[in-house]
Structures are given as structure tokens and as C-alpha cells.
């Protein structure tokens, strides 16, 4: 008799546990704190970009907000007043028909500035994309064909000095620019220009200029 009672009690306990588990799975979770709101079950995100609570801002609207910020305006004015583009035009290395690639483009200041200069075909890349001006790409392995660009430009000294493999960075830039095109890179002022130039095996320096919007200099390399 005792065994029958034990089996009956065990069966009832197992059934109650199963019902409780099914109830928890099929219903929204609730907080242990009194007065807390019920939290609906959400689909588990497959990537870090896939979150139900994330508010997606259209790229055009985000860019408009950035352009209206004081920091963006200061950077754009500093880049325009640095005479970097005027120097390239003076050397006949930049024109409205030029195909330009901006490395380490960040949010796209240089892309925006080049387009404001009248350059229609400008592509910006960085390790993190920033639509609509900047797409994601690795400067050590550029996803472009040989000689695809007339100008390769970078106004961020960290783009070159922070490269994991500077020689690979230089080789990819030389591969992606056409013969007779231009590579204009900003580098930290403390770097020896000759140490930078030696990495560009197929190019020669045509101009070096100190810029004032950051503590770095701009060097123009002309692939031969």
C-alpha cells in the first residue's frame, strides 16, 4: 500500500512540474519585484546588430545630424583650409573626373570634403562602415582591382601609423592606384619621412607638406 501511495505522489509531482515548466515557456516572464511590468519574450538576436530594442536611424538622417554638429564643421573647415586639395590640384593630381579612395575614412569627413571640391567618384573605407559615406574594408586587402583609382587619400595619421602591417598597407595602396596616380597620406610628425617613403617600392615623393589641423604632415607619392 505504501509503495502505491509513493508511486502516486511521485506521478502527481512529475505532472505538476511538467505543467509548471510548460506554463513558464508559453507565458511572458515576470519580475520578482512588486509593481514591475511584464517583459515579453523576444527572439534571441543572431548578431550584435539584431536587437529588438535598437532604434535604427536612416543613414541619410544620421549624416545630416553629423553635418550639423560643431565638431563636423570644425573638421571640414580645417581640412578645406589646409590647402591639401589645392596643392594636389596645383600639381595636376586632382580633378573633378578623378576616382578617389579615402583610407581610414572614419565617419567620412574626407569623402565629404572631396565631393565638395567637385570630385564626383569618391569611395571611403574603414574597418567599421559608416553609411552612406564609408564602407567596410581592410586596407591590407583592398577589395578593388589593380589601378582602380587616380588618387588614394588619407587625412588620418592613425590610418598608416596604426596599420598592423605598414608594408602591406603601402603595397595595397600602390596596387589599387593607377600608374601615374597619386597616394596622399597624412602621417605623424615624429615619423621620419624617409622611413615612410622606403615602404612605397614603386613610388617617389613629389611633395611633403606640414599641416596645421593636426600634428602631422602630408606626403604625396607618385607611383611610377
C-alpha atoms as a PDB file:
ATOM      1  CA  UNK A   1       0.000   0.000   0.000  1.00  0.00           C
ATOM      2  CA  UNK A   2       2.821   2.403   0.909  1.00  0.00           C
ATOM      3  CA  UNK A   3       4.554   1.753  -2.409  1.00  0.00           C
ATOM      4  CA  UNK A   4       1.383   2.524  -4.353  1.00  0.00           C
ATOM      5  CA  UNK A   5       0.995   5.824  -2.469  1.00  0.00           C
ATOM      6  CA  UNK A   6       4.625   6.727  -3.138  1.00  0.00           C
ATOM      7  CA  UNK A   7       4.227   5.997  -6.873  1.00  0.00           C
ATOM      8  CA  UNK A   8       1.026   8.054  -6.982  1.00  0.00           C
ATOM      9  CA  UNK A   9       2.650  11.009  -5.192  1.00  0.00           C
ATOM     10  CA  UNK A  10       5.696  10.837  -7.498  1.00  0.00           C
ATOM     11  CA  UNK A  11       3.460  10.816 -10.583  1.00  0.00           C
ATOM     12  CA  UNK A  12       1.441  13.794  -9.362  1.00  0.00           C
ATOM     13  CA  UNK A  13       4.663  15.743  -8.596  1.00  0.00           C
ATOM     14  CA  UNK A  14       6.109  14.991 -12.045  1.00  0.00           C
ATOM     15  CA  UNK A  15       2.878  16.084 -13.753  1.00  0.00           C
ATOM     16  CA  UNK A  16       2.799  19.314 -11.714  1.00  0.00           C
ATOM     17  CA  UNK A  17       6.437  20.052 -12.619  1.00  0.00           C
ATOM     18  CA  UNK A  18       5.727  19.450 -16.318  1.00  0.00           C
ATOM     19  CA  UNK A  19       2.688  21.736 -16.285  1.00  0.00           C
ATOM     20  CA  UNK A  20       4.671  24.437 -14.477  1.00  0.00           C
ATOM     21  CA  UNK A  21       7.502  24.222 -16.997  1.00  0.00           C
ATOM     22  CA  UNK A  22       5.103  24.431 -19.946  1.00  0.00           C
ATOM     23  CA  UNK A  23       3.429  27.446 -18.356  1.00  0.00           C
ATOM     24  CA  UNK A  24       6.755  29.248 -17.906  1.00  0.00           C
ATOM     25  CA  UNK A  25       7.771  28.568 -21.508  1.00  0.00           C
ATOM     26  CA  UNK A  26       4.479  29.655 -23.050  1.00  0.00           C
ATOM     27  CA  UNK A  27       3.974  32.814 -20.987  1.00  0.00           C
ATOM     28  CA  UNK A  28       5.902  36.042 -20.644  1.00  0.00           C
ATOM     29  CA  UNK A  29       8.461  36.263 -17.876  1.00  0.00           C
ATOM     30  CA  UNK A  30       7.630  38.489 -14.917  1.00  0.00           C
ATOM     31  CA  UNK A  31       9.845  40.325 -12.471  1.00  0.00           C
ATOM     32  CA  UNK A  32      10.225  39.292  -8.836  1.00  0.00           C
ATOM     33  CA  UNK A  33       9.795  42.904  -7.779  1.00  0.00           C
ATOM     34  CA  UNK A  34       6.282  44.117  -6.948  1.00  0.00           C
ATOM     35  CA  UNK A  35       4.764  46.530  -9.424  1.00  0.00           C
ATOM     36  CA  UNK A  36       7.222  45.655 -12.209  1.00  0.00           C
ATOM     37  CA  UNK A  37       5.904  45.474 -15.743  1.00  0.00           C
ATOM     38  CA  UNK A  38       5.692  42.225 -17.623  1.00  0.00           C
ATOM     39  CA  UNK A  39       8.557  41.610 -20.057  1.00  0.00           C
ATOM     40  CA  UNK A  40       7.522  39.923 -23.336  1.00  0.00           C
ATOM     41  CA  UNK A  41       9.679  37.174 -24.686  1.00  0.00           C
ATOM     42  CA  UNK A  42      11.824  38.375 -27.609  1.00  0.00           C
ATOM     43  CA  UNK A  43      13.575  36.458 -30.336  1.00  0.00           C
ATOM     44  CA  UNK A  44      17.207  35.805 -29.387  1.00  0.00           C
ATOM     45  CA  UNK A  45      19.431  38.061 -31.547  1.00  0.00           C
ATOM     46  CA  UNK A  46      21.600  36.266 -34.091  1.00  0.00           C
ATOM     47  CA  UNK A  47      24.123  39.101 -34.338  1.00  0.00           C
ATOM     48  CA  UNK A  48      25.099  42.149 -32.291  1.00  0.00           C
ATOM     49  CA  UNK A  49      23.206  44.295 -34.816  1.00  0.00           C
ATOM     50  CA  UNK A  50      19.981  42.319 -34.401  1.00  0.00           C
ATOM     51  CA  UNK A  51      18.322  43.713 -31.275  1.00  0.00           C
ATOM     52  CA  UNK A  52      14.621  44.350 -30.822  1.00  0.00           C
ATOM     53  CA  UNK A  53      15.242  47.456 -28.673  1.00  0.00           C
ATOM     54  CA  UNK A  54      17.649  49.126 -31.100  1.00  0.00           C
ATOM     55  CA  UNK A  55      16.280  52.170 -32.909  1.00  0.00           C
ATOM     56  CA  UNK A  56      17.630  52.236 -36.434  1.00  0.00           C
ATOM     57  CA  UNK A  57      18.357  55.732 -37.755  1.00  0.00           C
ATOM     58  CA  UNK A  58      18.332  56.051 -41.578  1.00  0.00           C
ATOM     59  CA  UNK A  59      21.873  56.734 -42.910  1.00  0.00           C
ATOM     60  CA  UNK A  60      20.834  59.981 -44.585  1.00  0.00           C
ATOM     61  CA  UNK A  61      19.305  61.335 -41.391  1.00  0.00           C
ATOM     62  CA  UNK A  62      22.343  60.332 -39.333  1.00  0.00           C
ATOM     63  CA  UNK A  63      24.672  62.042 -41.818  1.00  0.00           C
ATOM     64  CA  UNK A  64      22.561  65.204 -41.750  1.00  0.00           C
ATOM     65  CA  UNK A  65      22.813  65.314 -37.951  1.00  0.00           C
ATOM     66  CA  UNK A  66      26.581  64.842 -38.126  1.00  0.00           C
ATOM     67  CA  UNK A  67      26.999  67.607 -40.697  1.00  0.00           C
ATOM     68  CA  UNK A  68      25.083  69.939 -38.397  1.00  0.00           C
ATOM     69  CA  UNK A  69      27.377  69.244 -35.444  1.00  0.00           C
ATOM     70  CA  UNK A  70      30.098  71.719 -34.445  1.00  0.00           C
ATOM     71  CA  UNK A  71      32.771  69.022 -34.485  1.00  0.00           C
ATOM     72  CA  UNK A  72      31.991  68.038 -38.079  1.00  0.00           C
ATOM     73  CA  UNK A  73      32.049  71.658 -39.216  1.00  0.00           C
ATOM     74  CA  UNK A  74      35.385  72.308 -37.496  1.00  0.00           C
ATOM     75  CA  UNK A  75      36.946  69.245 -39.090  1.00  0.00           C
ATOM     76  CA  UNK A  76      35.579  70.099 -42.531  1.00  0.00           C
ATOM     77  CA  UNK A  77      36.787  73.707 -42.321  1.00  0.00           C
ATOM     78  CA  UNK A  78      40.222  72.580 -41.115  1.00  0.00           C
ATOM     79  CA  UNK A  79      40.522  70.068 -43.941  1.00  0.00           C
ATOM     80  CA  UNK A  80      39.437  72.605 -46.556  1.00  0.00           C
ATOM     81  CA  UNK A  81      41.780  75.318 -45.221  1.00  0.00           C
ATOM     82  CA  UNK A  82      44.790  73.008 -45.030  1.00  0.00           C
ATOM     83  CA  UNK A  83      45.433  73.574 -48.763  1.00  0.00           C
ATOM     84  CA  UNK A  84      45.947  69.831 -49.230  1.00  0.00           C
ATOM     85  CA  UNK A  85      43.449  69.677 -52.083  1.00  0.00           C
ATOM     86  CA  UNK A  86      44.689  72.935 -53.596  1.00  0.00           C
ATOM     87  CA  UNK A  87      48.204  71.513 -53.641  1.00  0.00           C
ATOM     88  CA  UNK A  88      47.024  68.372 -55.416  1.00  0.00           C
ATOM     89  CA  UNK A  89      45.153  70.458 -57.973  1.00  0.00           C
ATOM     90  CA  UNK A  90      48.208  72.647 -58.467  1.00  0.00           C
ATOM     91  CA  UNK A  91      50.266  69.548 -59.245  1.00  0.00           C
ATOM     92  CA  UNK A  92      47.513  68.387 -61.617  1.00  0.00           C
ATOM     93  CA  UNK A  93      46.983  65.322 -59.480  1.00  0.00           C
ATOM     94  CA  UNK A  94      43.338  66.000 -58.637  1.00  0.00           C
ATOM     95  CA  UNK A  95      40.444  66.881 -60.909  1.00  0.00           C
ATOM     96  CA  UNK A  96      36.676  66.586 -60.962  1.00  0.00           C
ATOM     97  CA  UNK A  97      36.950  63.402 -63.018  1.00  0.00           C
ATOM     98  CA  UNK A  98      39.369  61.745 -60.580  1.00  0.00           C
ATOM     99  CA  UNK A  99      38.457  58.441 -58.992  1.00  0.00           C
ATOM    100  CA  UNK A 100      39.418  58.784 -55.316  1.00  0.00           C
ATOM    101  CA  UNK A 101      39.708  56.305 -52.459  1.00  0.00           C
ATOM    102  CA  UNK A 102      39.819  57.537 -48.850  1.00  0.00           C
ATOM    103  CA  UNK A 103      41.551  55.194 -46.406  1.00  0.00           C
ATOM    104  CA  UNK A 104      40.802  55.249 -42.660  1.00  0.00           C
ATOM    105  CA  UNK A 105      37.829  57.404 -43.598  1.00  0.00           C
ATOM    106  CA  UNK A 106      36.107  57.281 -40.198  1.00  0.00           C
ATOM    107  CA  UNK A 107      32.708  58.947 -40.479  1.00  0.00           C
ATOM    108  CA  UNK A 108      33.555  60.286 -43.942  1.00  0.00           C
ATOM    109  CA  UNK A 109      34.973  63.805 -43.454  1.00  0.00           C
ATOM    110  CA  UNK A 110      37.471  63.437 -46.302  1.00  0.00           C
ATOM    111  CA  UNK A 111      34.860  61.826 -48.564  1.00  0.00           C
ATOM    112  CA  UNK A 112      32.529  64.737 -47.960  1.00  0.00           C
ATOM    113  CA  UNK A 113      35.323  67.279 -48.459  1.00  0.00           C
ATOM    114  CA  UNK A 114      36.467  65.760 -51.756  1.00  0.00           C
ATOM    115  CA  UNK A 115      32.927  65.744 -53.090  1.00  0.00           C
ATOM    116  CA  UNK A 116      32.612  69.394 -52.044  1.00  0.00           C
ATOM    117  CA  UNK A 117      35.758  70.003 -54.115  1.00  0.00           C
ATOM    118  CA  UNK A 118      33.904  68.724 -57.151  1.00  0.00           C
ATOM    119  CA  UNK A 119      35.280  65.167 -57.241  1.00  0.00           C
ATOM    120  CA  UNK A 120      32.344  63.002 -58.215  1.00  0.00           C
ATOM    121  CA  UNK A 121      33.700  59.468 -57.768  1.00  0.00           C
ATOM    122  CA  UNK A 122      34.842  59.123 -54.137  1.00  0.00           C
ATOM    123  CA  UNK A 123      34.885  55.906 -52.101  1.00  0.00           C
ATOM    124  CA  UNK A 124      35.576  55.806 -48.362  1.00  0.00           C
ATOM    125  CA  UNK A 125      36.637  52.693 -46.453  1.00  0.00           C
ATOM    126  CA  UNK A 126      37.445  51.811 -42.868  1.00  0.00           C
ATOM    127  CA  UNK A 127      37.350  48.782 -40.606  1.00  0.00           C
ATOM    128  CA  UNK A 128      33.887  49.892 -39.453  1.00  0.00           C
ATOM    129  CA  UNK A 129      31.373  51.004 -42.059  1.00  0.00           C
ATOM    130  CA  UNK A 130      29.546  54.306 -41.719  1.00  0.00           C
ATOM    131  CA  UNK A 131      26.820  54.554 -44.363  1.00  0.00           C
ATOM    132  CA  UNK A 132      26.346  56.290 -46.659  1.00  0.00           C
ATOM    133  CA  UNK A 133      29.891  57.683 -46.976  1.00  0.00           C
ATOM    134  CA  UNK A 134      32.088  54.854 -45.691  1.00  0.00           C
ATOM    135  CA  UNK A 135      32.025  51.138 -46.425  1.00  0.00           C
ATOM    136  CA  UNK A 136      33.806  48.396 -44.513  1.00  0.00           C
ATOM    137  CA  UNK A 137      37.063  47.097 -45.962  1.00  0.00           C
ATOM    138  CA  UNK A 138      40.549  46.114 -44.845  1.00  0.00           C
ATOM    139  CA  UNK A 139      43.301  48.416 -46.181  1.00  0.00           C
ATOM    140  CA  UNK A 140      45.682  45.460 -46.053  1.00  0.00           C
ATOM    141  CA  UNK A 141      43.438  43.617 -48.551  1.00  0.00           C
ATOM    142  CA  UNK A 142      41.625  46.210 -50.631  1.00  0.00           C
ATOM    143  CA  UNK A 143      38.611  44.766 -52.495  1.00  0.00           C
ATOM    144  CA  UNK A 144      39.416  46.698 -55.673  1.00  0.00           C
ATOM    145  CA  UNK A 145      41.102  45.818 -58.935  1.00  0.00           C
ATOM    146  CA  UNK A 146      44.589  46.965 -59.888  1.00  0.00           C
ATOM    147  CA  UNK A 147      44.780  50.626 -60.884  1.00  0.00           C
ATOM    148  CA  UNK A 148      41.170  51.319 -59.934  1.00  0.00           C
ATOM    149  CA  UNK A 149      41.840  54.827 -58.568  1.00  0.00           C
ATOM    150  CA  UNK A 150      43.560  58.040 -59.613  1.00  0.00           C
ATOM    151  CA  UNK A 151      44.012  59.200 -56.015  1.00  0.00           C
ATOM    152  CA  UNK A 152      44.346  57.386 -52.708  1.00  0.00           C
ATOM    153  CA  UNK A 153      43.969  59.820 -49.819  1.00  0.00           C
ATOM    154  CA  UNK A 154      44.016  59.648 -46.024  1.00  0.00           C
ATOM    155  CA  UNK A 155      43.798  62.575 -43.627  1.00  0.00           C
ATOM    156  CA  UNK A 156      44.051  60.384 -40.514  1.00  0.00           C
ATOM    157  CA  UNK A 157      47.657  59.669 -39.441  1.00  0.00           C
ATOM    158  CA  UNK A 158      46.474  56.628 -37.482  1.00  0.00           C
ATOM    159  CA  UNK A 159      45.477  55.024 -40.758  1.00  0.00           C
ATOM    160  CA  UNK A 160      49.129  54.485 -41.671  1.00  0.00           C
ATOM    161  CA  UNK A 161      50.992  54.590 -38.350  1.00  0.00           C
ATOM    162  CA  UNK A 162      48.364  52.337 -36.762  1.00  0.00           C
ATOM    163  CA  UNK A 163      48.432  49.752 -39.561  1.00  0.00           C
ATOM    164  CA  UNK A 164      49.289  46.241 -38.391  1.00  0.00           C
ATOM    165  CA  UNK A 165      51.456  45.693 -41.461  1.00  0.00           C
ATOM    166  CA  UNK A 166      52.631  49.046 -42.861  1.00  0.00           C
ATOM    167  CA  UNK A 167      54.476  47.423 -45.768  1.00  0.00           C
ATOM    168  CA  UNK A 168      51.320  45.563 -46.773  1.00  0.00           C
ATOM    169  CA  UNK A 169      49.319  48.783 -46.394  1.00  0.00           C
ATOM    170  CA  UNK A 170      51.721  50.563 -48.749  1.00  0.00           C
ATOM    171  CA  UNK A 171      51.774  47.701 -51.255  1.00  0.00           C
ATOM    172  CA  UNK A 172      47.971  47.588 -51.444  1.00  0.00           C
ATOM    173  CA  UNK A 173      47.763  51.342 -51.945  1.00  0.00           C
ATOM    174  CA  UNK A 174      50.270  51.116 -54.814  1.00  0.00           C
ATOM    175  CA  UNK A 175      48.363  48.230 -56.359  1.00  0.00           C
ATOM    176  CA  UNK A 176      44.991  49.977 -56.233  1.00  0.00           C
ATOM    177  CA  UNK A 177      46.205  53.307 -57.683  1.00  0.00           C
ATOM    178  CA  UNK A 178      46.840  53.605 -61.407  1.00  0.00           C
ATOM    179  CA  UNK A 179      50.295  54.180 -62.842  1.00  0.00           C
ATOM    180  CA  UNK A 180      50.897  57.926 -62.667  1.00  0.00           C
ATOM    181  CA  UNK A 181      48.232  58.340 -59.980  1.00  0.00           C
ATOM    182  CA  UNK A 182      48.733  59.780 -56.512  1.00  0.00           C
ATOM    183  CA  UNK A 183      48.903  58.482 -52.952  1.00  0.00           C
ATOM    184  CA  UNK A 184      48.482  61.313 -50.437  1.00  0.00           C
ATOM    185  CA  UNK A 185      48.788  60.171 -46.824  1.00  0.00           C
ATOM    186  CA  UNK A 186      48.879  62.037 -43.536  1.00  0.00           C
ATOM    187  CA  UNK A 187      51.484  60.634 -41.127  1.00  0.00           C
ATOM    188  CA  UNK A 188      52.543  61.592 -37.621  1.00  0.00           C
ATOM    189  CA  UNK A 189      55.052  64.425 -37.497  1.00  0.00           C
ATOM    190  CA  UNK A 190      57.519  62.398 -35.437  1.00  0.00           C
ATOM    191  CA  UNK A 191      57.861  59.775 -38.179  1.00  0.00           C
ATOM    192  CA  UNK A 192      60.911  60.049 -40.426  1.00  0.00           C
ATOM    193  CA  UNK A 193      59.635  60.712 -43.983  1.00  0.00           C
ATOM    194  CA  UNK A 194      62.399  58.560 -45.450  1.00  0.00           C
ATOM    195  CA  UNK A 195      61.287  55.616 -43.293  1.00  0.00           C
ATOM    196  CA  UNK A 196      57.782  56.013 -44.671  1.00  0.00           C
ATOM    197  CA  UNK A 197      58.900  56.508 -48.282  1.00  0.00           C
ATOM    198  CA  UNK A 198      61.003  53.338 -48.300  1.00  0.00           C
ATOM    199  CA  UNK A 199      57.844  51.259 -47.838  1.00  0.00           C
ATOM    200  CA  UNK A 200      56.433  52.506 -51.144  1.00  0.00           C
ATOM    201  CA  UNK A 201      58.586  50.469 -53.502  1.00  0.00           C
ATOM    202  CA  UNK A 202      57.027  51.693 -56.770  1.00  0.00           C
ATOM    203  CA  UNK A 203      56.580  55.377 -55.935  1.00  0.00           C
ATOM    204  CA  UNK A 204      58.527  58.583 -55.499  1.00  0.00           C
ATOM    205  CA  UNK A 205      57.749  61.572 -53.281  1.00  0.00           C
ATOM    206  CA  UNK A 206      56.657  64.630 -55.229  1.00  0.00           C
ATOM    207  CA  UNK A 207      55.732  66.835 -52.273  1.00  0.00           C
ATOM    208  CA  UNK A 208      55.752  66.895 -48.491  1.00  0.00           C
ATOM    209  CA  UNK A 209      53.735  69.459 -46.575  1.00  0.00           C
ATOM    210  CA  UNK A 210      53.216  70.221 -42.883  1.00  0.00           C
ATOM    211  CA  UNK A 211      49.563  70.642 -41.965  1.00  0.00           C
ATOM    212  CA  UNK A 212      48.175  72.538 -39.044  1.00  0.00           C
ATOM    213  CA  UNK A 213      44.764  70.959 -38.377  1.00  0.00           C
ATOM    214  CA  UNK A 214      46.570  68.068 -36.648  1.00  0.00           C
ATOM    215  CA  UNK A 215      50.109  67.386 -35.619  1.00  0.00           C
ATOM    216  CA  UNK A 216      51.062  65.539 -38.790  1.00  0.00           C
ATOM    217  CA  UNK A 217      52.402  66.023 -42.301  1.00  0.00           C
ATOM    218  CA  UNK A 218      51.014  65.085 -45.677  1.00  0.00           C
ATOM    219  CA  UNK A 219      53.182  63.346 -48.240  1.00  0.00           C
ATOM    220  CA  UNK A 220      52.320  62.796 -51.887  1.00  0.00           C
ATOM    221  CA  UNK A 221      53.691  59.653 -53.506  1.00  0.00           C
ATOM    222  CA  UNK A 222      53.585  59.280 -57.266  1.00  0.00           C
ATOM    223  CA  UNK A 223      53.584  55.609 -58.429  1.00  0.00           C
ATOM    224  CA  UNK A 224      55.802  55.075 -61.444  1.00  0.00           C
END
